[in-house]
C-alpha atoms as a PDB file:
ATOM      1  CA  MET A   1      86.553  91.815 -87.969  1.00  0.00           C
ATOM      2  CA  MET A   2      85.414  90.021 -84.824  1.00  0.00           C
ATOM      3  CA  ILE A   3      82.078  91.098 -83.359  1.00  0.00           C
ATOM      4  CA  PRO A   4      81.278  90.390 -79.684  1.00  0.00           C
ATOM      5  CA  ILE A   5      77.997  88.428 -79.547  1.00  0.00           C
ATOM      6  CA  ALA A   6      77.826  87.271 -75.924  1.00  0.00           C
ATOM      7  CA  GLN A   7      79.491  87.419 -72.559  1.00  0.00           C
ATOM      8  CA  ILE A   8      79.266  84.322 -70.372  1.00  0.00           C
ATOM      9  CA  GLY A   9      80.919  85.013 -67.056  1.00  0.00           C
ATOM     10  CA  PRO A  10      84.241  86.657 -67.904  1.00  0.00           C
ATOM     11  CA  THR A  11      84.376  85.040 -71.363  1.00  0.00           C
ATOM     12  CA  ILE A  12      83.507  87.122 -74.418  1.00  0.00           C
ATOM     13  CA  VAL A  13      82.319  85.138 -77.431  1.00  0.00           C
ATOM     14  CA  ARG A  14      83.095  86.768 -80.768  1.00  0.00           C
ATOM     15  CA  ARG A  15      81.942  86.007 -84.292  1.00  0.00           C
ATOM     16  CA  SER A  16      83.710  86.811 -87.519  1.00  0.00           C
ATOM     17  CA  ASN A  17      81.511  89.019 -89.684  1.00  0.00           C
ATOM     18  CA  THR A  18      82.993  87.472 -92.854  1.00  0.00           C
ATOM     19  CA  CYS A  19      82.898  83.713 -92.239  1.00  0.00           C
ATOM     20  CA  ASN A  20      80.687  83.238 -89.139  1.00  0.00           C
ATOM     21  CA  VAL A  21      83.421  81.550 -87.092  1.00  0.00           C
ATOM     22  CA  LEU A  22      82.878  81.743 -83.325  1.00  0.00           C
ATOM     23  CA  ILE A  23      85.975  82.291 -81.188  1.00  0.00           C
ATOM     24  CA  PHE A  24      86.480  82.471 -77.453  1.00  0.00           C
ATOM     25  CA  GLU A  25      89.206  81.852 -74.904  1.00  0.00           C
ATOM     26  CA  CYS A  26      88.606  80.381 -71.456  1.00  0.00           C
ATOM     27  CA  GLY A  27      89.332  77.230 -69.497  1.00  0.00           C
ATOM     28  CA  MET A  28      88.000  73.741 -70.079  1.00  0.00           C
ATOM     29  CA  SER A  29      85.900  71.609 -67.796  1.00  0.00           C
ATOM     30  CA  ILE A  30      85.488  67.971 -68.736  1.00  0.00           C
ATOM     31  CA  ASN A  31      82.173  66.613 -69.992  1.00  0.00           C
ATOM     32  CA  GLY A  32      81.685  62.844 -69.720  1.00  0.00           C
ATOM     33  CA  ASP A  33      78.247  62.816 -71.386  1.00  0.00           C
ATOM     34  CA  GLY A  34      77.721  60.177 -74.030  1.00  0.00           C
ATOM     35  CA  SER A  35      80.279  57.803 -72.535  1.00  0.00           C
ATOM     36  CA  PRO A  36      78.701  54.453 -71.662  1.00  0.00           C
ATOM     37  CA  ARG A  37      80.509  54.758 -68.303  1.00  0.00           C
ATOM     38  CA  ALA A  38      79.470  58.359 -67.554  1.00  0.00           C
ATOM     39  CA  TYR A  39      76.758  57.754 -64.953  1.00  0.00           C
ATOM     40  CA  HIS A  40      75.915  54.883 -62.619  1.00  0.00           C
ATOM     41  CA  PRO A  41      73.035  54.424 -60.135  1.00  0.00           C
ATOM     42  CA  ASP A  42      75.781  54.446 -57.477  1.00  0.00           C
ATOM     43  CA  SER A  43      77.068  57.937 -58.293  1.00  0.00           C
ATOM     44  CA  LYS A  44      80.602  57.086 -57.113  1.00  0.00           C
ATOM     45  CA  SER A  45      80.983  54.358 -59.771  1.00  0.00           C
ATOM     46  CA  GLY A  46      80.424  56.590 -62.821  1.00  0.00           C
ATOM     47  CA  LEU A  47      83.028  58.731 -64.519  1.00  0.00           C
ATOM     48  CA  ASP A  48      80.974  61.761 -63.491  1.00  0.00           C
ATOM     49  CA  ALA A  49      78.723  62.617 -60.544  1.00  0.00           C
ATOM     50  CA  LEU A  50      75.125  61.593 -61.191  1.00  0.00           C
ATOM     51  CA  ALA A  51      73.956  65.077 -60.113  1.00  0.00           C
ATOM     52  CA  ASN A  52      75.468  66.395 -63.372  1.00  0.00           C
ATOM     53  CA  ALA A  53      72.859  64.365 -65.303  1.00  0.00           C
ATOM     54  CA  GLY A  54      69.875  65.840 -63.439  1.00  0.00           C
ATOM     55  CA  ARG A  55      67.658  64.371 -60.761  1.00  0.00           C
ATOM     56  CA  PRO A  56      64.686  61.990 -60.559  1.00  0.00           C
ATOM     57  CA  GLY A  57      61.846  63.415 -62.607  1.00  0.00           C
ATOM     58  CA  HIS A  58      64.181  65.857 -64.396  1.00  0.00           C
ATOM     59  CA  TRP A  59      67.045  63.998 -66.099  1.00  0.00           C
ATOM     60  CA  TRP A  60      68.752  66.043 -68.823  1.00  0.00           C
ATOM     61  CA  GLY A  61      71.813  63.825 -69.245  1.00  0.00           C
ATOM     62  CA  LEU A  62      70.187  60.377 -69.260  1.00  0.00           C
ATOM     63  CA  ALA A  63      68.016  58.581 -71.788  1.00  0.00           C
ATOM     64  CA  CYS A  64      64.639  57.842 -70.179  1.00  0.00           C
ATOM     65  CA  ASP A  65      61.508  55.840 -70.914  1.00  0.00           C
ATOM     66  CA  GLU A  66      58.063  57.421 -71.295  1.00  0.00           C
ATOM     67  CA  LYS A  67      57.662  57.467 -67.481  1.00  0.00           C
ATOM     68  CA  GLY A  68      60.908  59.424 -67.033  1.00  0.00           C
ATOM     69  CA  GLU A  69      62.842  56.448 -65.676  1.00  0.00           C
ATOM     70  CA  PRO A  70      66.466  56.244 -66.895  1.00  0.00           C
ATOM     71  CA  PHE A  71      67.481  53.302 -69.040  1.00  0.00           C
ATOM     72  CA  VAL A  72      70.086  50.998 -67.497  1.00  0.00           C
ATOM     73  CA  GLN A  73      72.483  49.225 -69.853  1.00  0.00           C
ATOM     74  CA  GLY A  74      71.983  45.472 -70.139  1.00  0.00           C
ATOM     75  CA  PRO A  75      74.429  42.576 -70.474  1.00  0.00           C
ATOM     76  CA  ASN A  76      75.015  43.166 -74.204  1.00  0.00           C
ATOM     77  CA  ASP A  77      75.726  46.899 -73.836  1.00  0.00           C
ATOM     78  CA  PRO A  78      79.231  48.383 -73.372  1.00  0.00           C
ATOM     79  CA  ALA A  79      78.811  49.083 -69.622  1.00  0.00           C
ATOM     80  CA  PRO A  80      76.164  46.832 -68.024  1.00  0.00           C
ATOM     81  CA  GLY A  81      74.538  48.416 -64.974  1.00  0.00           C
ATOM     82  CA  PHE A  82      75.402  51.994 -66.006  1.00  0.00           C
ATOM     83  CA  PHE A  83      72.791  54.474 -67.205  1.00  0.00           C
ATOM     84  CA  VAL A  84      72.565  55.426 -70.890  1.00  0.00           C
ATOM     85  CA  SER A  85      74.111  58.906 -71.074  1.00  0.00           C
ATOM     86  CA  THR A  86      72.934  61.293 -73.785  1.00  0.00           C
ATOM     87  CA  THR A  87      74.370  64.054 -75.946  1.00  0.00           C
ATOM     88  CA  SER A  88      72.452  66.584 -78.028  1.00  0.00           C
ATOM     89  CA  LEU A  89      74.026  65.230 -81.231  1.00  0.00           C
ATOM     90  CA  GLN A  90      72.609  61.763 -81.852  1.00  0.00           C
ATOM     91  CA  ASN A  91      72.706  58.956 -84.382  1.00  0.00           C
ATOM     92  CA  PRO A  92      69.018  58.271 -85.153  1.00  0.00           C
ATOM     93  CA  GLY A  93      69.975  54.849 -86.554  1.00  0.00           C
ATOM     94  CA  TYR A  94      69.957  53.536 -82.984  1.00  0.00           C
ATOM     95  CA  GLU A  95      67.133  53.333 -80.444  1.00  0.00           C
ATOM     96  CA  VAL A  96      66.909  55.888 -77.623  1.00  0.00           C
ATOM     97  CA  ASN A  97      67.990  53.246 -75.063  1.00  0.00           C
ATOM     98  CA  ASP A  98      71.093  52.240 -77.065  1.00  0.00           C
ATOM     99  CA  PRO A  99      74.361  53.868 -75.879  1.00  0.00           C
ATOM    100  CA  ARG A 100      75.606  53.908 -79.507  1.00  0.00           C
ATOM    101  CA  ARG A 101      72.995  56.579 -80.318  1.00  0.00           C
ATOM    102  CA  TYR A 102      75.047  59.200 -78.426  1.00  0.00           C
ATOM    103  CA  ILE A 103      78.517  60.674 -79.001  1.00  0.00           C
ATOM    104  CA  ASP A 104      81.009  58.915 -76.718  1.00  0.00           C
ATOM    105  CA  SER A 105      83.063  61.411 -74.715  1.00  0.00           C
ATOM    106  CA  GLU A 106      85.841  58.862 -74.234  1.00  0.00           C
ATOM    107  CA  THR A 107      86.445  58.336 -77.953  1.00  0.00           C
ATOM    108  CA  VAL A 108      85.247  61.459 -79.818  1.00  0.00           C
ATOM    109  CA  PRO A 109      86.783  64.927 -79.363  1.00  0.00           C
ATOM    110  CA  PHE A 110      83.826  67.258 -78.951  1.00  0.00           C
ATOM    111  CA  ILE A 111      82.878  70.597 -77.441  1.00  0.00           C
ATOM    112  CA  VAL A 112      79.817  71.773 -75.555  1.00  0.00           C
ATOM    113  CA  LEU A 113      78.201  75.171 -76.155  1.00  0.00           C
ATOM    114  CA  PRO A 114      75.664  76.935 -73.942  1.00  0.00           C
ATOM    115  CA  ILE A 115      72.041  76.580 -74.897  1.00  0.00           C
ATOM    116  CA  GLY A 116      70.628  79.884 -76.099  1.00  0.00           C
ATOM    117  CA  LEU A 117      73.927  81.262 -77.406  1.00  0.00           C
ATOM    118  CA  ASN A 118      73.293  83.639 -80.328  1.00  0.00           C
ATOM    119  CA  HIS A 119      74.647  82.615 -83.731  1.00  0.00           C
ATOM    120  CA  VAL A 120      75.372  79.102 -82.489  1.00  0.00           C
ATOM    121  CA  PRO A 121      76.355  76.726 -85.295  1.00  0.00           C
ATOM    122  CA  LEU A 122      74.415  73.556 -85.984  1.00  0.00           C
ATOM    123  CA  LEU A 123      75.153  70.401 -84.027  1.00  0.00           C
ATOM    124  CA  GLY A 124      77.960  68.523 -85.740  1.00  0.00           C
ATOM    125  CA  ALA A 125      79.769  71.717 -86.754  1.00  0.00           C
ATOM    126  CA  PRO A 126      83.564  71.401 -86.882  1.00  0.00           C
ATOM    127  CA  ALA A 127      85.750  73.065 -84.288  1.00  0.00           C
ATOM    128  CA  ARG A 128      89.449  73.555 -83.629  1.00  0.00           C
ATOM    129  CA  VAL A 129      90.647  73.775 -80.041  1.00  0.00           C
ATOM    130  CA  ILE A 130      94.071  75.086 -79.028  1.00  0.00           C
ATOM    131  CA  ASN A 131      95.795  74.634 -75.683  1.00  0.00           C
ATOM    132  CA  LEU A 132      97.902  77.789 -75.278  1.00  0.00           C
ATOM    133  CA  ARG A 133      99.691  76.226 -72.303  1.00  0.00           C
ATOM    134  CA  ASN A 134     101.449  73.550 -74.393  1.00  0.00           C
ATOM    135  CA  GLY A 135     100.697  74.416 -78.041  1.00  0.00           C
ATOM    136  CA  LYS A 136      98.650  71.255 -78.694  1.00  0.00           C
ATOM    137  CA  THR A 137      95.666  71.523 -81.030  1.00  0.00           C
ATOM    138  CA  CYS A 138      92.820  69.165 -81.865  1.00  0.00           C
ATOM    139  CA  SER A 139      89.944  69.063 -84.305  1.00  0.00           C
ATOM    140  CA  ALA A 140      86.576  68.453 -82.674  1.00  0.00           C
ATOM    141  CA  ILE A 141      82.844  68.671 -83.315  1.00  0.00           C
ATOM    142  CA  PHE A 142      80.065  70.535 -81.537  1.00  0.00           C
ATOM    143  CA  ALA A 143      78.103  67.655 -80.000  1.00  0.00           C
ATOM    144  CA  ASP A 144      76.301  68.849 -76.884  1.00  0.00           C
ATOM    145  CA  PHE A 145      74.481  71.774 -75.323  1.00  0.00           C
ATOM    146  CA  GLY A 146      75.209  72.869 -71.766  1.00  0.00           C
ATOM    147  CA  PRO A 147      73.854  75.414 -69.293  1.00  0.00           C
ATOM    148  CA  ARG A 148      73.285  79.014 -70.457  1.00  0.00           C
ATOM    149  CA  ASP A 149      75.743  80.375 -67.916  1.00  0.00           C
ATOM    150  CA  LYS A 150      78.683  78.038 -68.602  1.00  0.00           C
ATOM    151  CA  ILE A 151      81.159  77.977 -71.470  1.00  0.00           C
ATOM    152  CA  GLY A 152      84.336  75.992 -71.999  1.00  0.00           C
ATOM    153  CA  GLU A 153      83.534  72.292 -71.868  1.00  0.00           C
ATOM    154  CA  GLY A 154      85.148  69.484 -73.801  1.00  0.00           C
ATOM    155  CA  SER A 155      84.933  65.724 -74.000  1.00  0.00           C
ATOM    156  CA  ILE A 156      87.321  63.331 -72.307  1.00  0.00           C
ATOM    157  CA  ALA A 157      88.911  62.498 -75.681  1.00  0.00           C
ATOM    158  CA  LEU A 158      89.425  66.207 -76.474  1.00  0.00           C
ATOM    159  CA  ALA A 159      91.065  66.853 -73.108  1.00  0.00           C
ATOM    160  CA  GLU A 160      93.418  63.894 -73.603  1.00  0.00           C
ATOM    161  CA  ALA A 161      94.396  65.091 -77.087  1.00  0.00           C
ATOM    162  CA  LEU A 162      95.174  68.544 -75.676  1.00  0.00           C
ATOM    163  CA  GLY A 163      97.178  67.274 -72.701  1.00  0.00           C
ATOM    164  CA  ILE A 164      94.542  68.423 -70.175  1.00  0.00           C
ATOM    165  CA  PRO A 165      93.618  66.327 -67.108  1.00  0.00           C
ATOM    166  CA  SER A 166      90.606  64.434 -68.471  1.00  0.00           C
ATOM    167  CA  ASP A 167      88.703  63.205 -65.400  1.00  0.00           C
ATOM    168  CA  PRO A 168      85.162  64.692 -65.462  1.00  0.00           C
ATOM    169  CA  ARG A 169      85.194  64.967 -61.661  1.00  0.00           C
ATOM    170  CA  THR A 170      88.633  66.518 -61.110  1.00  0.00           C
ATOM    171  CA  GLY A 171      90.132  67.414 -64.491  1.00  0.00           C
ATOM    172  CA  GLY A 172      90.157  70.488 -66.644  1.00  0.00           C
ATOM    173  CA  VAL A 173      92.077  73.764 -66.612  1.00  0.00           C
ATOM    174  CA  PRO A 174      90.986  77.266 -65.559  1.00  0.00           C
ATOM    175  CA  ASP A 175      92.236  79.139 -68.641  1.00  0.00           C
ATOM    176  CA  GLY A 176      94.416  79.082 -71.741  1.00  0.00           C
ATOM    177  CA  ILE A 177      92.126  77.251 -74.173  1.00  0.00           C
ATOM    178  CA  VAL A 178      91.033  78.825 -77.467  1.00  0.00           C
ATOM    179  CA  TYR A 179      87.932  77.513 -79.237  1.00  0.00           C
ATOM    180  CA  LEU A 180      87.185  78.132 -82.907  1.00  0.00           C
ATOM    181  CA  VAL A 181      83.781  76.871 -84.042  1.00  0.00           C
ATOM    182  CA  PHE A 182      83.094  76.862 -87.768  1.00  0.00           C
ATOM    183  CA  PRO A 183      79.759  76.853 -89.592  1.00  0.00           C
ATOM    184  CA  LYS A 184      78.557  73.368 -90.452  1.00  0.00           C
ATOM    185  CA  PRO A 185      79.218  72.694 -94.141  1.00  0.00           C
ATOM    186  CA  GLU A 186      76.193  72.392 -96.405  1.00  0.00           C
ATOM    187  CA  ALA A 187      75.199  68.806 -97.187  1.00  0.00           C
ATOM    188  CA  ALA A 188      76.154  67.781-100.702  1.00  0.00           C
END
């Protein structure tokens, strides 16, 4: 039995009362966060518009120093001159200013869930995403939180695997995507 747990815009999020799987159907917008090429000081040069990472003094999508200034990648980083873009899921084996600390949208299929969603699984939880338009499916992970009032975001790699236009600025689809998000398995 599927129990409605939230409505975000027109999308109803349901949870299975037997296995705690979340399921919802909506469109997909493309999230470039975590890609070393996501954001650039010249907003036009990044994969995504810099406004989607925040603003001076309030950056939510960029790694910043203790003064709130965004880190810029150096000559030995994957995209020199670009900002270091963050995701909620992180690899603590790398420093905060290292792009490898964050999940790369260009290489890892991942989904984004709204912050504050009830019964949200833990970061790193497995997901299965289905494109009803063409029948393609892809395994993914839950790697980032997004705004409370938005649902249906996926990484560049997820969009490509599902045959969805993958440009964070112009890609995505308005409907026809089913998301299944499973509980994160217990650590052994």
